[in-house]
Amino acid sequence: MSEVLNILKELQSVEDDSALDILVPSVNKLIKFKPLSVKQHHEILKCSIDGVPGSIKLAIILNKIIIDNSLEPVDFTIYDAEWILMQLRKHSFGKTVSIEDKVYNLDDLTKNVTDFKYTHSVSYKGIEVLLSVPTIKLDIEVSEACYKDIAKTVSDETKISETISSMLSYEIVKFINSISVKDNTINFSDITTTERKKLLESIPLAVNNKITEYISSYRKNEISSYTFSDGALLTIDGDFLTRA
């Protein structure tokens, strides 16, 4: 046992010496990260065989990897997530990736830092909703609630549409900071994820459409960061993170 402990200590020392400097977009500075571990690699692989619940679980695992591997305290946002994961993957498997049998260099991608508004508000007939790009911690919290919900119903094929609708609702509430109606304001940080989802489902469709428009514009802005000059889009998923 003592030999095992000694080896583990040596491995920890090697890990500390292998810390990576990664530019985190939301804070615009280099942050040190531990490389991906074999255990994390296996956790990512396991999610690929679990269908819809597996895809949600994968998102949770990837977010937790970012937090766990960071050697400095940062309140990361989902704006940072794919960029950090791409840098971690480069360290483990190299800078090249194959997309539809064509090889690309990941160094050719640059993070889009346009004037996109990472906070926003929408209003409609006395209703005001404050929005922002969610933190990774919030994304984990909501995704875990979504995972528990979806895992109960996804095995029933007759509930596929219900599952998709529920997943969309969970995705939207991540972006909501607060809802105000006349003199009443509810901060989403003060209520449970279930209560957030119920509030979302009670707002007028016109408000929901404005929220989804904002989220769509955010996603479009993000896609541009992972699109090569010939239009090929890099998908940062379990396969990308576990294969050369």
Protein backbone atom coordinates (compact mmCIF):
# COMPACT_ATOMS: atom_id res chain seq x y z
CA MET A 1 0.00 0.00 0.00
CA SER A 2 2.83 2.39 0.83
CA GLU A 3 4.26 1.89 -2.68
CA VAL A 4 0.90 2.76 -4.20
CA LEU A 5 0.68 5.91 -2.08
CA ASN A 6 4.19 6.88 -3.14
CA ILE A 7 3.32 6.45 -6.80
CA LEU A 8 0.14 8.47 -6.32
CA LYS A 9 2.16 11.29 -4.76
CA GLU A 10 4.59 11.21 -7.67
CA LEU A 11 1.72 11.29 -10.15
CA GLN A 12 0.24 14.28 -8.31
CA SER A 13 3.59 16.03 -8.61
CA VAL A 14 3.68 15.35 -12.35
CA GLU A 15 0.10 16.63 -12.65
CA ASP A 16 1.01 19.84 -10.82
CA ASP A 17 3.96 20.38 -13.17
CA SER A 18 1.71 19.81 -16.20
CA ALA A 19 -0.71 22.63 -15.40
CA LEU A 20 -2.03 24.34 -18.53
CA ASP A 21 -2.47 28.06 -19.04
CA ILE A 22 -5.83 28.59 -20.74
CA LEU A 23 -7.28 31.95 -21.69
CA VAL A 24 -10.75 32.15 -20.12
CA PRO A 25 -12.91 34.48 -22.27
CA SER A 26 -15.27 35.80 -19.58
CA VAL A 27 -12.42 37.10 -17.40
CA ASN A 28 -9.98 37.65 -20.30
CA LYS A 29 -6.96 36.19 -18.54
CA LEU A 30 -4.92 33.01 -18.36
CA ILE A 31 -6.10 30.48 -15.77
CA LYS A 32 -4.21 27.34 -14.82
CA PHE A 33 -5.91 23.97 -15.35
CA LYS A 34 -5.04 20.36 -14.66
CA PRO A 35 -5.08 18.16 -17.80
CA LEU A 36 -7.86 15.66 -18.39
CA SER A 37 -7.41 12.45 -16.39
CA VAL A 38 -8.05 8.82 -17.37
CA LYS A 39 -10.98 8.72 -14.92
CA GLN A 40 -12.58 11.76 -16.57
CA HIS A 41 -11.98 10.20 -19.99
CA HIS A 42 -13.87 7.08 -18.90
CA GLU A 43 -16.74 9.11 -17.43
CA ILE A 44 -17.19 10.87 -20.77
CA LEU A 45 -17.16 7.58 -22.67
CA LYS A 46 -19.83 6.03 -20.44
CA CYS A 47 -22.33 8.76 -21.29
CA SER A 48 -22.30 7.91 -25.00
CA ILE A 49 -24.41 4.78 -24.49
CA ASP A 50 -27.18 6.26 -22.34
CA GLY A 51 -29.32 8.02 -24.97
CA VAL A 52 -31.03 11.30 -24.07
CA PRO A 53 -30.29 11.07 -20.33
CA GLY A 54 -26.68 10.37 -21.27
CA SER A 55 -26.42 13.58 -23.28
CA ILE A 56 -27.66 15.59 -20.30
CA LYS A 57 -25.34 13.71 -17.95
CA LEU A 58 -22.43 14.41 -20.31
CA ALA A 59 -23.10 18.16 -20.15
CA ILE A 60 -23.02 17.96 -16.35
CA ILE A 61 -19.78 15.97 -16.34
CA LEU A 62 -18.07 18.36 -18.76
CA ASN A 63 -19.05 21.37 -16.67
CA LYS A 64 -17.78 19.68 -13.51
CA ILE A 65 -14.48 18.87 -15.24
CA ILE A 66 -13.95 22.57 -15.90
CA ILE A 67 -14.57 23.46 -12.26
CA ASP A 68 -12.58 20.53 -10.86
CA ASN A 69 -9.60 21.02 -13.17
CA SER A 70 -9.30 24.75 -12.61
CA LEU A 71 -6.50 25.57 -10.19
CA GLU A 72 -7.88 29.06 -9.59
CA PRO A 73 -11.30 30.21 -8.33
CA VAL A 74 -13.30 31.56 -11.27
CA ASP A 75 -17.06 31.85 -11.67
CA PHE A 76 -17.05 30.39 -15.18
CA THR A 77 -19.93 30.96 -17.60
CA ILE A 78 -21.14 28.66 -20.36
CA TYR A 79 -19.47 31.18 -22.70
CA ASP A 80 -16.17 29.74 -21.41
CA ALA A 81 -17.08 26.06 -21.41
CA GLU A 82 -16.49 24.84 -24.95
CA TRP A 83 -13.39 26.99 -25.36
CA ILE A 84 -11.79 25.53 -22.21
CA LEU A 85 -12.75 21.98 -23.18
CA MET A 86 -11.19 22.46 -26.60
CA GLN A 87 -7.90 23.57 -25.01
CA LEU A 88 -7.93 20.56 -22.65
CA ARG A 89 -8.55 18.25 -25.59
CA LYS A 90 -5.65 19.81 -27.54
CA HIS A 91 -3.31 18.96 -24.67
CA SER A 92 -4.45 15.31 -24.57
CA PHE A 93 -4.82 14.52 -28.28
CA GLY A 94 -3.11 17.28 -30.23
CA LYS A 95 -4.20 20.24 -32.34
CA THR A 96 -5.72 18.41 -35.29
CA VAL A 97 -9.24 17.09 -35.72
CA SER A 98 -10.97 15.29 -38.58
CA ILE A 99 -14.36 16.55 -39.79
CA GLU A 100 -15.92 14.55 -42.64
CA ASP A 101 -12.53 13.06 -43.55
CA LYS A 102 -10.80 16.46 -43.71
CA VAL A 103 -8.14 17.39 -41.17
CA TYR A 104 -8.32 20.78 -39.44
CA ASN A 105 -6.00 22.62 -37.05
CA LEU A 106 -7.75 23.75 -33.85
CA ASP A 107 -5.37 26.70 -33.61
CA ASP A 108 -7.15 28.18 -36.63
CA LEU A 109 -10.22 28.84 -34.47
CA THR A 110 -10.50 32.10 -32.52
CA LYS A 111 -13.01 32.98 -29.84
CA ASN A 112 -15.66 35.38 -31.11
CA VAL A 113 -15.55 38.51 -28.97
CA THR A 114 -18.11 40.63 -30.79
CA ASP A 115 -20.29 43.20 -29.06
CA PHE A 116 -22.93 40.58 -28.23
CA LYS A 117 -24.78 41.59 -25.05
CA TYR A 118 -24.24 38.92 -22.40
CA THR A 119 -26.98 40.52 -20.31
CA HIS A 120 -30.32 41.57 -21.75
CA SER A 121 -33.91 42.40 -20.82
CA VAL A 122 -37.20 41.81 -22.57
CA SER A 123 -40.57 43.36 -21.76
CA TYR A 124 -44.18 42.87 -22.72
CA LYS A 125 -47.36 44.43 -21.27
CA GLY A 126 -45.94 45.13 -17.80
CA ILE A 127 -43.80 42.00 -17.69
CA GLU A 128 -40.02 42.44 -17.63
CA VAL A 129 -37.55 39.58 -17.76
CA LEU A 130 -33.85 40.07 -17.04
CA LEU A 131 -31.58 37.66 -18.87
CA SER A 132 -27.91 36.74 -18.82
CA VAL A 133 -25.57 34.03 -20.05
CA PRO A 134 -25.62 31.51 -17.17
CA THR A 135 -22.69 30.47 -15.03
CA ILE A 136 -21.43 26.92 -15.23
CA LYS A 137 -22.57 26.34 -11.63
CA LEU A 138 -26.12 27.33 -12.56
CA ASP A 139 -25.96 25.22 -15.70
CA ILE A 140 -25.02 22.19 -13.57
CA GLU A 141 -27.84 22.87 -11.10
CA VAL A 142 -30.53 23.12 -13.77
CA SER A 143 -29.14 20.25 -15.84
CA GLU A 144 -29.18 17.94 -12.81
CA ALA A 145 -32.86 18.77 -12.23
CA CYS A 146 -33.53 18.15 -15.92
CA TYR A 147 -31.68 14.81 -15.78
CA LYS A 148 -33.79 13.57 -12.88
CA ASP A 149 -36.97 14.66 -14.64
CA ILE A 150 -36.10 13.19 -18.04
CA ALA A 151 -34.80 9.91 -16.60
CA LYS A 152 -38.31 9.19 -15.28
CA THR A 153 -40.07 9.47 -18.63
CA VAL A 154 -37.60 8.98 -21.48
CA SER A 155 -38.13 5.19 -21.56
CA ASP A 156 -41.75 5.72 -22.61
CA GLU A 157 -41.71 6.34 -26.38
CA THR A 158 -45.10 8.01 -26.22
CA LYS A 159 -43.58 10.81 -24.16
CA ILE A 160 -40.78 11.81 -26.54
CA SER A 161 -42.43 15.14 -27.45
CA GLU A 162 -43.03 15.85 -23.77
CA THR A 163 -39.38 15.13 -23.07
CA ILE A 164 -38.19 17.55 -25.75
CA SER A 165 -40.54 20.26 -24.48
CA SER A 166 -39.33 19.77 -20.91
CA MET A 167 -35.67 19.92 -21.97
CA LEU A 168 -36.34 23.19 -23.80
CA SER A 169 -37.97 24.69 -20.71
CA TYR A 170 -34.99 23.76 -18.55
CA GLU A 171 -32.63 25.29 -21.11
CA ILE A 172 -34.55 28.57 -21.13
CA VAL A 173 -34.71 29.02 -17.34
CA LYS A 174 -30.90 28.93 -17.22
CA PHE A 175 -30.86 32.32 -18.92
CA ILE A 176 -33.45 34.04 -16.70
CA ASN A 177 -32.25 36.18 -13.79
CA SER A 178 -35.61 37.57 -12.71
CA ILE A 179 -39.20 38.19 -13.74
CA SER A 180 -41.08 41.35 -12.75
CA VAL A 181 -44.82 41.90 -13.07
CA LYS A 182 -45.83 45.43 -12.11
CA ASP A 183 -44.42 45.91 -8.57
CA ASN A 184 -43.62 42.25 -7.96
CA THR A 185 -40.18 40.82 -8.73
CA ILE A 186 -38.97 37.27 -8.27
CA ASN A 187 -35.24 36.53 -8.47
CA PHE A 188 -34.65 33.08 -9.90
CA SER A 189 -31.66 32.58 -7.62
CA ASP A 190 -34.10 32.61 -4.68
CA ILE A 191 -36.33 29.79 -5.89
CA THR A 192 -35.98 26.14 -6.89
CA THR A 193 -35.48 24.94 -10.45
CA THR A 194 -38.97 23.40 -10.36
CA GLU A 195 -40.46 26.77 -9.39
CA ARG A 196 -38.48 28.50 -12.15
CA LYS A 197 -39.88 26.07 -14.70
CA LYS A 198 -43.45 26.62 -13.47
CA LEU A 199 -43.05 30.40 -13.75
CA LEU A 200 -41.67 30.07 -17.27
CA GLU A 201 -44.61 27.94 -18.33
CA SER A 202 -47.02 30.62 -17.04
CA ILE A 203 -45.65 33.59 -18.98
CA PRO A 204 -47.24 34.74 -22.26
CA LEU A 205 -45.90 33.06 -25.40
CA ALA A 206 -44.85 36.48 -26.74
CA VAL A 207 -42.43 36.87 -23.81
CA ASN A 208 -41.11 33.34 -24.25
CA ASN A 209 -40.46 34.04 -27.92
CA LYS A 210 -38.39 37.11 -27.05
CA ILE A 211 -36.36 35.05 -24.59
CA THR A 212 -35.71 32.29 -27.12
CA GLU A 213 -34.68 34.90 -29.70
CA TYR A 214 -32.00 36.13 -27.30
CA ILE A 215 -30.80 32.58 -26.62
CA SER A 216 -30.73 31.84 -30.35
CA SER A 217 -28.61 34.93 -31.00
CA TYR A 218 -26.22 33.81 -28.27
CA ARG A 219 -25.95 30.33 -29.80
CA LYS A 220 -25.36 31.82 -33.26
CA ASN A 221 -22.57 33.97 -31.87
CA GLU A 222 -21.01 30.92 -30.23
CA ILE A 223 -21.19 28.80 -33.38
CA SER A 224 -19.05 31.35 -35.22
CA SER A 225 -16.21 30.63 -32.76
CA TYR A 226 -16.13 26.97 -33.79
CA THR A 227 -16.60 27.32 -37.55
CA PHE A 228 -13.57 26.94 -39.80
CA SER A 229 -12.97 29.23 -42.79
CA ASP A 230 -14.52 26.70 -45.21
CA GLY A 231 -17.73 26.47 -43.14
CA ALA A 232 -16.94 23.22 -41.33
CA LEU A 233 -18.38 23.26 -37.81
CA LEU A 234 -16.54 21.73 -34.88
CA THR A 235 -18.86 19.87 -32.51
CA ILE A 236 -17.46 19.70 -28.99
CA ASP A 237 -19.02 16.49 -27.73
CA GLY A 238 -17.95 13.25 -26.08
CA ASP A 239 -16.45 11.86 -29.28
CA PHE A 240 -14.31 14.97 -29.85
CA LEU A 241 -13.04 14.89 -26.27
CA THR A 242 -12.12 11.20 -26.21
CA ARG A 243 -10.56 10.55 -29.64
CA ALA A 244 -7.53 11.83 -31.54
